[in-house]
Amino acid sequence: MIGFQPYETFQLLIETGGIDRTNTLLVAACDAFSRRGTPTHAEMEQFAALAQRLFPTAAPSARAKAAATLGRSEALSPELEDLVIAHLGEDLPDFLVAAPRLSEQTMLKLVAANDVPTAAALARRSDLTNVVLAKLFQLNSRKVYRALATNTAIVPRGAFLSALARSAQMDHQVAWSLAAREDFDCALLAPAFFDLNEPDRIKVINAFANRATPAAPIKKTLEQLSVATPELTKALMKLFSENRRPEVTKLLHQITGLDEVRCGQIAHDTSGAALFVVLRAFGCNEFDGLKVLIHATSHDEDRSKALAQFSTMFQTVSVDATAFLMSAWRGEVNLLDLSKPEYKPFTQESRRTPPPQKRERDPVVDQAIEALARIGIRQAS
């Protein structure tokens, strides 16, 4: 059958050999089966009958060892998968992640059991079918969604994209995992902006670069207030230079309509990404915006590099896009509208389409950035 004696001999040994002999036979039979190539249908049925006789009568330690050995096989039937799963014990999650193959039938049984650790381990597999994925996404579990967010084999689109984006709003670990993926539209992480670290916040902002966005409810208010943008930048420069951040919080609350907690986060964020969004939404250009950022931020290691990055974003991220981003912070827009064709980011360059020429940086801007980096924070006049 599998390199051992015929099935009848195994049956005789089971009946006459006692539990010690059963333990030895079970482990040896599972080892032989896992090493064998693809078995025939008859061999599969014969081994399944043997295993179903041996597993119940063997000792617990032998059952666990045999199940782990059998789990390495690439030719398990659903019946054999059930045996492995039933006897692996605490090693089950590791098996579900590393098993060469699992049938859809077995996966659906595992999901239906509503065991969170088991479902979370299953969610990390690369061979999940759409049916299994749909069942996993229906589970109301942070652990399961965290595993799904890290699974790069799952293409984030359609209902799966919507579910992941919504989960990111409620779980910062899901947001972190999605921000690290190259295939996820970071613009959908706008509501989780303040849960992200600085590099990922920049990713979110850059996801709006050169991109059309739906009309933002806050846009009209910002347009009315933008006539006072010069006064706003002067006030912010003075307050930041004197480290009067609580007053910055109150000012931002008055002009943006964001709650005070959020405005406090913006005012005390020394990295500058959140403040950039506010400045750009009010129509600040790179010259006025950088003057405020130099007083508000702290980039001791490489100040000029950080300012150059913000300078580029002032050129590529539109006022409308930052207004939409602020509306997302206020919960006034549906982020999934960004998945509509007219709002999607530009497609990747093809071989038939020559890449656009890189925009030459304005030398005056570069000089200004270097000068601001040398100046440091000092009192605005």
Protein backbone atom coordinates (compact mmCIF):
# COMPACT_ATOMS: atom_id res chain seq x y z
CA MET A 1 0.00 0.00 0.00
CA ILE A 2 2.51 2.61 1.16
CA GLY A 3 5.71 0.65 1.41
CA PHE A 4 4.52 -1.40 4.41
CA GLN A 5 2.76 -4.75 4.76
CA PRO A 6 -0.73 -5.22 3.32
CA TYR A 7 -3.70 -3.68 5.06
CA GLU A 8 -4.82 -7.06 6.45
CA THR A 9 -1.52 -7.40 8.33
CA PHE A 10 -1.96 -3.94 9.87
CA GLN A 11 -5.46 -4.89 10.92
CA LEU A 12 -4.18 -8.06 12.60
CA LEU A 13 -1.50 -6.15 14.49
CA ILE A 14 -4.07 -3.63 15.67
CA GLU A 15 -6.24 -6.40 17.06
CA THR A 16 -3.43 -8.35 18.76
CA GLY A 17 -0.62 -5.92 19.46
CA GLY A 18 -1.98 -3.61 22.18
CA ILE A 19 -1.68 0.16 22.51
CA ASP A 20 2.13 0.35 22.26
CA ARG A 21 2.04 -1.44 18.94
CA THR A 22 -0.80 0.83 17.81
CA ASN A 23 1.24 3.93 18.62
CA THR A 24 4.18 2.64 16.60
CA LEU A 25 2.03 1.63 13.67
CA LEU A 26 0.18 4.96 13.58
CA VAL A 27 3.31 7.08 13.54
CA ALA A 28 5.07 4.82 11.04
CA ALA A 29 2.07 4.66 8.70
CA CYS A 30 1.61 8.45 8.75
CA ASP A 31 5.31 8.99 8.11
CA ALA A 32 5.28 6.60 5.16
CA PHE A 33 2.18 8.21 3.67
CA SER A 34 3.58 11.75 4.02
CA ARG A 35 6.77 10.71 2.20
CA ARG A 36 4.96 9.00 -0.63
CA GLY A 37 4.10 10.76 -3.86
CA THR A 38 0.56 11.20 -5.09
CA PRO A 39 -1.36 8.06 -4.06
CA THR A 40 -3.97 6.35 -6.19
CA HIS A 41 -7.62 6.59 -5.24
CA ALA A 42 -7.55 3.04 -3.87
CA GLU A 43 -4.44 3.74 -1.79
CA MET A 44 -6.02 6.90 -0.41
CA GLU A 45 -9.15 5.04 0.66
CA GLN A 46 -7.13 2.21 2.18
CA PHE A 47 -4.91 4.53 4.19
CA ALA A 48 -7.88 6.61 5.34
CA ALA A 49 -9.58 3.43 6.64
CA LEU A 50 -6.39 2.46 8.45
CA ALA A 51 -5.85 5.90 9.98
CA GLN A 52 -9.45 6.11 11.16
CA ARG A 53 -8.91 2.80 13.00
CA LEU A 54 -5.54 3.74 14.50
CA PHE A 55 -6.11 7.31 15.68
CA PRO A 56 -8.90 6.61 18.23
CA THR A 57 -6.98 3.76 19.89
CA ALA A 58 -3.52 5.39 20.06
CA ALA A 59 -2.17 7.38 23.01
CA PRO A 60 -2.65 11.20 22.94
CA SER A 61 1.07 11.90 22.42
CA ALA A 62 1.20 9.43 19.52
CA ARG A 63 -1.92 10.94 17.97
CA ALA A 64 -0.40 14.44 18.11
CA LYS A 65 2.90 13.27 16.62
CA ALA A 66 1.19 11.29 13.88
CA ALA A 67 -1.10 14.21 13.03
CA ALA A 68 1.87 16.57 12.73
CA THR A 69 3.67 14.08 10.48
CA LEU A 70 0.62 13.42 8.34
CA GLY A 71 0.02 17.17 8.02
CA ARG A 72 3.18 17.49 5.91
CA SER A 73 1.64 15.46 3.13
CA GLU A 74 0.52 17.27 -0.01
CA ALA A 75 -2.10 14.63 -0.82
CA LEU A 76 -4.59 14.72 2.03
CA SER A 77 -8.23 13.99 1.42
CA PRO A 78 -10.86 15.98 3.37
CA GLU A 79 -11.25 12.94 5.67
CA LEU A 80 -7.52 12.89 6.45
CA GLU A 81 -7.50 16.66 6.93
CA ASP A 82 -10.25 16.20 9.52
CA LEU A 83 -8.10 13.64 11.36
CA VAL A 84 -5.08 15.95 11.38
CA ILE A 85 -7.10 18.93 12.59
CA ALA A 86 -8.85 16.90 15.28
CA HIS A 87 -5.61 15.61 16.83
CA LEU A 88 -3.03 18.39 16.39
CA GLY A 89 -4.02 20.23 19.55
CA GLU A 90 -2.12 23.46 20.20
CA ASP A 91 -0.13 23.07 16.97
CA LEU A 92 -3.25 23.52 14.84
CA PRO A 93 -2.69 27.26 14.03
CA ASP A 94 0.84 26.55 12.77
CA PHE A 95 -0.47 23.73 10.60
CA LEU A 96 -3.17 25.91 9.08
CA VAL A 97 -0.58 28.48 8.06
CA ALA A 98 2.04 26.07 6.72
CA ALA A 99 0.01 23.16 5.29
CA PRO A 100 0.90 22.68 1.60
CA ARG A 101 -2.76 22.31 0.71
CA LEU A 102 -6.17 22.53 2.36
CA SER A 103 -9.46 21.77 0.70
CA GLU A 104 -12.16 24.42 0.54
CA GLN A 105 -14.47 22.01 2.38
CA THR A 106 -12.09 21.86 5.35
CA MET A 107 -11.54 25.63 5.35
CA LEU A 108 -15.27 26.30 5.46
CA LYS A 109 -15.68 23.89 8.37
CA LEU A 110 -12.98 25.70 10.30
CA VAL A 111 -14.53 29.11 9.68
CA ALA A 112 -17.97 27.84 10.64
CA ALA A 113 -16.59 26.76 14.02
CA ASN A 114 -16.18 30.48 14.93
CA ASP A 115 -12.89 29.85 16.72
CA VAL A 116 -10.96 33.12 16.44
CA PRO A 117 -7.34 31.81 16.72
CA THR A 118 -8.09 29.13 14.14
CA ALA A 119 -9.77 31.55 11.74
CA ALA A 120 -6.95 34.09 12.16
CA ALA A 121 -4.37 31.43 11.27
CA LEU A 122 -6.44 30.37 8.27
CA ALA A 123 -6.67 34.01 7.14
CA ARG A 124 -2.90 34.06 6.58
CA ARG A 125 -2.98 31.36 3.88
CA SER A 126 -2.20 32.28 0.29
CA ASP A 127 -4.69 29.84 -1.30
CA LEU A 128 -7.96 31.14 0.13
CA THR A 129 -10.88 30.90 -2.29
CA ASN A 130 -13.39 33.72 -2.70
CA VAL A 131 -16.00 31.66 -0.85
CA VAL A 132 -13.69 31.17 2.15
CA LEU A 133 -12.64 34.83 2.06
CA ALA A 134 -16.24 35.97 2.11
CA LYS A 135 -16.87 33.85 5.22
CA LEU A 136 -13.73 35.16 6.94
CA PHE A 137 -14.66 38.78 6.25
CA GLN A 138 -18.03 38.12 7.89
CA LEU A 139 -16.35 37.28 11.20
CA ASN A 140 -16.39 40.18 13.64
CA SER A 141 -12.85 39.73 14.94
CA ARG A 142 -9.88 42.08 15.12
CA LYS A 143 -7.44 39.17 14.99
CA VAL A 144 -8.96 37.84 11.78
CA TYR A 145 -8.94 41.27 10.10
CA ARG A 146 -5.36 41.88 11.20
CA ALA A 147 -4.34 38.60 9.57
CA LEU A 148 -6.27 39.45 6.39
CA ALA A 149 -4.63 42.88 6.23
CA THR A 150 -1.15 41.31 6.20
CA ASN A 151 -2.06 38.66 3.60
CA THR A 152 -0.61 40.03 0.36
CA ALA A 153 -2.16 37.16 -1.59
CA ILE A 154 -5.54 38.83 -1.11
CA VAL A 155 -6.11 41.47 -3.79
CA PRO A 156 -7.83 44.46 -2.12
CA ARG A 157 -10.73 45.20 -4.42
CA GLY A 158 -14.50 45.24 -4.40
CA ALA A 159 -16.15 44.15 -1.17
CA PHE A 160 -12.80 43.05 0.29
CA LEU A 161 -11.35 46.54 -0.24
CA SER A 162 -14.35 48.12 1.46
CA ALA A 163 -14.12 45.77 4.43
CA LEU A 164 -10.40 46.39 4.92
CA ALA A 165 -10.80 50.16 4.64
CA ARG A 166 -13.58 50.18 7.23
CA SER A 167 -11.56 47.97 9.56
CA ALA A 168 -8.58 50.35 9.32
CA GLN A 169 -10.76 53.13 10.75
CA MET A 170 -11.38 51.06 13.89
CA ASP A 171 -8.08 49.21 14.36
CA HIS A 172 -4.72 50.97 14.13
CA GLN A 173 -2.86 47.69 13.57
CA VAL A 174 -4.93 47.01 10.46
CA ALA A 175 -4.14 50.56 9.29
CA TRP A 176 -0.40 50.02 9.87
CA SER A 177 -0.44 46.75 7.89
CA LEU A 178 -2.36 48.26 4.98
CA ALA A 179 -0.06 51.29 4.87
CA ALA A 180 2.90 48.94 4.45
CA ARG A 181 1.37 47.29 1.37
CA GLU A 182 2.24 48.41 -2.13
CA ASP A 183 -1.11 47.30 -3.57
CA PHE A 184 -3.36 49.27 -1.21
CA ASP A 185 -4.61 52.78 -1.97
CA CYS A 186 -3.33 54.70 1.05
CA ALA A 187 -5.84 57.49 0.40
CA LEU A 188 -8.43 55.17 1.96
CA LEU A 189 -6.51 55.40 5.24
CA ALA A 190 -7.37 59.09 5.65
CA PRO A 191 -9.70 58.50 8.65
CA ALA A 192 -6.86 56.59 10.36
CA PHE A 193 -4.33 59.35 9.56
CA PHE A 194 -3.58 60.18 13.20
CA ASP A 195 -2.98 56.53 14.09
CA LEU A 196 -0.15 56.26 11.55
CA ASN A 197 3.52 57.09 11.94
CA GLU A 198 5.10 59.96 10.03
CA PRO A 199 6.26 58.05 6.90
CA ASP A 200 2.81 56.48 6.52
CA ARG A 201 1.08 59.85 6.97
CA ILE A 202 3.19 61.14 4.10
CA LYS A 203 2.07 58.10 2.07
CA VAL A 204 -1.56 59.03 2.70
CA ILE A 205 -0.99 62.62 1.58
CA ASN A 206 0.97 61.56 -1.50
CA ALA A 207 -1.87 59.21 -2.44
CA PHE A 208 -3.85 62.38 -3.21
CA ALA A 209 -1.10 63.88 -5.40
CA ASN A 210 -2.24 64.82 -8.93
CA ARG A 211 -5.58 63.17 -8.19
CA ALA A 212 -9.12 64.33 -8.68
CA THR A 213 -11.33 64.09 -5.60
CA PRO A 214 -15.08 64.37 -4.94
CA ALA A 215 -16.38 67.71 -3.72
CA ALA A 216 -15.64 68.17 -0.02
CA PRO A 217 -18.31 69.64 2.28
CA ILE A 218 -15.69 71.80 3.99
CA LYS A 219 -14.49 73.33 0.72
CA LYS A 220 -16.86 76.34 0.69
CA THR A 221 -15.94 77.25 4.25
CA LEU A 222 -12.25 77.07 3.43
CA GLU A 223 -12.71 79.22 0.33
CA GLN A 224 -14.43 81.91 2.38
CA LEU A 225 -11.66 81.92 4.95
CA SER A 226 -8.82 81.69 2.43
CA VAL A 227 -8.95 85.47 1.89
CA ALA A 228 -7.36 85.73 5.33
CA THR A 229 -4.64 83.17 4.62
CA PRO A 230 -1.74 85.69 4.96
CA GLU A 231 -3.01 86.70 8.40
CA LEU A 232 -3.43 83.03 9.32
CA THR A 233 0.12 82.13 8.39
CA LYS A 234 1.53 85.09 10.33
CA ALA A 235 -0.50 84.16 13.39
CA LEU A 236 0.56 80.53 13.22
CA MET A 237 4.22 81.48 12.78
CA LYS A 238 4.12 83.68 15.85
CA LEU A 239 2.28 81.14 18.01
CA PHE A 240 4.55 78.26 16.98
CA SER A 241 7.72 80.32 17.43
CA GLU A 242 6.62 81.13 20.99
CA ASN A 243 5.53 77.51 21.55
CA ARG A 244 1.97 78.55 22.34
CA ARG A 245 0.47 75.33 21.02
CA PRO A 246 -2.68 75.38 23.18
CA GLU A 247 -3.59 78.66 21.46
CA VAL A 248 -2.85 77.04 18.09
CA THR A 249 -5.30 74.32 19.07
CA LYS A 250 -8.05 76.85 19.77
CA LEU A 251 -7.35 78.74 16.54
CA LEU A 252 -7.48 75.56 14.43
CA HIS A 253 -10.70 74.51 16.16
CA GLN A 254 -12.30 77.85 15.27
CA ILE A 255 -11.29 77.87 11.61
CA THR A 256 -11.57 74.18 10.69
CA GLY A 257 -14.52 72.91 12.71
CA LEU A 258 -12.50 69.87 13.76
CA ASP A 259 -12.94 68.81 17.37
CA GLU A 260 -10.41 70.14 19.88
CA VAL A 261 -8.77 66.77 20.45
CA ARG A 262 -7.97 66.48 16.75
CA CYS A 263 -6.78 70.09 16.60
CA GLY A 264 -4.56 69.41 19.60
CA GLN A 265 -2.99 66.52 17.74
CA ILE A 266 -2.30 68.79 14.78
CA ALA A 267 -0.88 71.57 16.94
CA HIS A 268 1.43 69.24 18.90
CA ASP A 269 2.53 67.14 15.94
CA THR A 270 6.15 68.21 15.43
CA SER A 271 6.50 66.12 12.25
CA GLY A 272 4.35 68.52 10.23
CA ALA A 273 2.25 66.20 8.06
CA ALA A 274 -1.09 67.04 9.69
CA LEU A 275 -0.32 70.76 9.71
CA PHE A 276 0.61 70.59 6.02
CA VAL A 277 -2.90 69.32 5.21
CA VAL A 278 -4.48 72.29 7.02
CA LEU A 279 -2.15 74.84 5.43
CA ARG A 280 -2.65 73.49 1.93
CA ALA A 281 -6.43 73.26 2.41
CA PHE A 282 -6.44 77.00 3.17
CA GLY A 283 -4.59 77.64 -0.09
CA CYS A 284 -1.06 78.17 1.24
CA ASN A 285 1.66 77.87 -1.37
CA GLU A 286 5.08 76.39 -0.71
CA PHE A 287 6.68 79.70 0.28
CA ASP A 288 4.16 80.67 2.96
CA GLY A 289 3.53 77.09 4.02
CA LEU A 290 7.20 76.32 4.59
CA LYS A 291 7.57 79.42 6.77
CA VAL A 292 4.95 78.01 9.13
CA LEU A 293 6.28 74.45 9.01
CA ILE A 294 9.82 75.53 9.88
CA HIS A 295 8.51 77.07 13.09
CA ALA A 296 6.17 74.18 13.93
CA THR A 297 8.27 71.12 13.16
CA SER A 298 11.31 69.41 14.58
CA HIS A 299 13.56 67.56 12.15
CA ASP A 300 16.92 67.60 13.83
CA GLU A 301 18.57 64.90 11.73
CA ASP A 302 17.88 66.13 8.21
CA ARG A 303 15.75 69.24 8.25
CA SER A 304 16.32 70.26 4.63
CA LYS A 305 15.23 66.82 3.36
CA ALA A 306 11.94 67.00 5.26
CA LEU A 307 11.26 70.53 4.04
CA ALA A 308 12.05 69.54 0.46
CA GLN A 309 9.48 66.76 0.76
CA PHE A 310 6.83 69.20 1.95
CA SER A 311 7.80 71.61 -0.82
CA THR A 312 7.12 68.92 -3.41
CA MET A 313 3.75 68.12 -1.85
CA PHE A 314 2.72 71.78 -2.00
CA GLN A 315 3.18 71.48 -5.78
CA THR A 316 1.57 68.07 -6.33
CA VAL A 317 -1.27 67.90 -3.78
CA SER A 318 -4.14 70.21 -4.67
CA VAL A 319 -6.18 72.41 -2.37
CA ASP A 320 -9.28 70.38 -3.24
CA ALA A 321 -7.53 67.14 -2.30
CA THR A 322 -6.49 68.41 1.13
CA ALA A 323 -9.99 69.80 1.68
CA PHE A 324 -11.35 66.32 0.97
CA LEU A 325 -8.78 64.86 3.37
CA MET A 326 -9.92 67.25 6.11
CA SER A 327 -13.54 66.34 5.44
CA ALA A 328 -12.52 62.70 5.90
CA TRP A 329 -11.14 63.63 9.33
CA ARG A 330 -14.53 65.15 10.15
CA GLY A 331 -16.34 62.04 8.92
CA GLU A 332 -18.26 63.96 6.24
CA VAL A 333 -17.31 61.96 3.15
CA ASN A 334 -17.41 58.39 1.94
CA LEU A 335 -13.80 57.40 1.33
CA LEU A 336 -14.87 54.53 -0.91
CA ASP A 337 -15.91 57.13 -3.50
CA LEU A 338 -12.20 57.33 -4.26
CA SER A 339 -12.49 53.86 -5.80
CA LYS A 340 -14.70 55.20 -8.59
CA PRO A 341 -12.93 55.34 -11.96
CA GLU A 342 -12.92 59.15 -12.15
CA TYR A 343 -11.16 59.44 -8.78
CA LYS A 344 -8.69 56.59 -8.99
CA PRO A 345 -4.97 57.43 -9.07
CA PHE A 346 -3.32 57.53 -12.44
CA THR A 347 -2.49 54.11 -13.89
CA GLN A 348 1.03 52.82 -14.01
CA GLU A 349 3.10 53.68 -17.06
CA SER A 350 3.03 51.14 -19.86
CA ARG A 351 5.76 50.36 -22.36
CA ARG A 352 3.76 52.05 -25.10
CA THR A 353 3.34 55.23 -23.09
CA PRO A 354 6.56 57.17 -22.53
CA PRO A 355 7.04 58.30 -18.93
CA PRO A 356 6.35 61.98 -18.31
CA GLN A 357 9.34 64.22 -18.01
CA LYS A 358 10.32 64.98 -14.45
CA ARG A 359 9.37 68.43 -13.34
CA GLU A 360 12.44 70.57 -12.77
CA ARG A 361 12.65 71.97 -9.28
CA ASP A 362 12.68 75.73 -8.95
CA PRO A 363 16.21 76.74 -7.80
CA VAL A 364 14.68 79.60 -5.83
CA VAL A 365 12.63 77.11 -3.86
CA ASP A 366 15.70 74.98 -3.18
CA GLN A 367 17.59 78.02 -1.92
CA ALA A 368 14.68 78.97 0.32
CA ILE A 369 14.52 75.48 1.79
CA GLU A 370 18.22 75.46 2.56
CA ALA A 371 18.00 78.89 4.13
CA LEU A 372 15.03 77.90 6.29
CA ALA A 373 16.84 74.76 7.39
CA ARG A 374 19.79 76.84 8.53
CA ILE A 375 17.67 79.38 10.34
CA GLY A 376 15.93 76.97 12.68
CA ILE A 377 13.01 78.03 14.84
CA ARG A 378 13.11 81.62 15.95
CA GLN A 379 10.55 84.20 16.81
CA ALA A 380 8.51 85.49 13.91
CA SER A 381 8.54 89.21 13.48
